[in-house]
Protein backbone atom coordinates (compact mmCIF):
# COMPACT_ATOMS: atom_id res chain seq x y z
CA MET A 1 -0.01 -0.01 -0.03
CA SER A 2 1.16 3.60 -0.70
CA GLU A 3 1.91 6.17 2.00
CA TRP A 4 -0.86 6.79 4.52
CA ILE A 5 -1.90 10.49 4.63
CA SER A 6 -3.18 11.57 8.03
CA THR A 7 -5.62 14.37 7.99
CA PRO A 8 -5.93 15.67 11.66
CA GLN A 9 -7.38 18.99 10.42
CA SER A 10 -10.39 17.15 8.91
CA SER A 11 -13.58 16.88 11.05
CA ASN A 12 -14.61 13.71 9.22
CA VAL A 13 -11.74 12.04 7.43
CA ALA A 14 -8.99 10.49 9.60
CA GLY A 15 -6.73 9.64 6.69
CA PHE A 16 -6.45 8.07 3.29
CA SER A 17 -4.08 6.36 0.91
CA TYR A 18 -3.95 5.25 -2.82
CA GLU A 19 -2.77 2.21 -4.49
CA GLU A 20 -1.89 3.24 -8.08
CA ALA A 21 -1.60 -0.29 -9.54
CA SER A 22 -5.18 -1.11 -8.56
CA GLN A 23 -6.47 2.43 -8.54
CA THR A 24 -7.90 1.91 -5.14
CA LEU A 25 -8.42 4.75 -2.71
CA THR A 26 -8.78 3.77 0.97
CA VAL A 27 -10.36 6.30 3.19
CA GLU A 28 -10.70 5.96 7.02
CA PHE A 29 -13.27 8.08 8.85
CA LYS A 30 -12.92 9.52 12.36
CA SER A 31 -15.54 6.97 13.40
CA GLY A 32 -12.99 4.29 12.61
CA SER A 33 -14.75 2.76 9.56
CA ARG A 34 -12.67 2.27 6.47
CA TYR A 35 -13.86 2.24 2.82
CA ASN A 36 -12.09 1.22 -0.39
CA TYR A 37 -13.13 3.16 -3.54
CA TYR A 38 -12.31 1.33 -6.75
CA ASP A 39 -11.15 2.52 -10.20
CA VAL A 40 -10.28 6.04 -8.91
CA PRO A 41 -7.94 7.75 -11.31
CA LEU A 42 -4.78 9.21 -9.98
CA HIS A 43 -5.83 12.82 -10.72
CA VAL A 44 -8.77 12.31 -8.35
CA PHE A 45 -6.42 11.17 -5.51
CA GLU A 46 -4.14 14.09 -6.25
CA GLY A 47 -7.17 16.35 -6.04
CA MET A 48 -8.06 15.01 -2.70
CA LYS A 49 -4.52 15.47 -1.49
CA SER A 50 -4.59 19.14 -2.38
CA ALA A 51 -8.27 19.77 -1.37
CA ALA A 52 -8.70 22.30 1.45
CA SER A 53 -11.52 20.11 2.81
CA LYS A 54 -11.02 16.42 2.39
CA GLY A 55 -14.66 15.59 3.36
CA LYS A 56 -16.13 18.03 0.95
CA TYR A 57 -13.94 16.70 -1.93
CA LEU A 58 -14.88 13.14 -1.00
CA ASN A 59 -18.58 14.04 -1.07
CA ALA A 60 -18.37 16.09 -4.23
CA GLU A 61 -15.94 14.02 -6.35
CA ILE A 62 -15.80 10.44 -5.06
CA LYS A 63 -18.99 9.23 -3.25
CA GLY A 64 -21.54 8.15 -5.80
CA ALA A 65 -19.00 8.19 -8.60
CA TYR A 66 -16.98 5.10 -7.81
CA ARG A 67 -17.67 1.59 -6.55
CA TYR A 68 -16.85 1.05 -2.86
CA ALA A 69 -16.81 -1.43 -0.15
CA ARG A 70 -16.42 -1.22 3.59
CA GLN A 71 -13.32 -3.01 4.95
């Protein structure tokens, strides 16, 4: 797995990582639940890394757009 990116400034997202080979974005929420989002292009991950609000970006660009499964 690639580097884990902690997001202590986020009120909802605890952290996330991206596996480029499988295009899988893993997101952990402050509640402790983790989700894998599949077939996420690298530019979407890069957008999340640079977004001022990780939660807003996740809701606007990722949720509902990509297949997902809870870990």
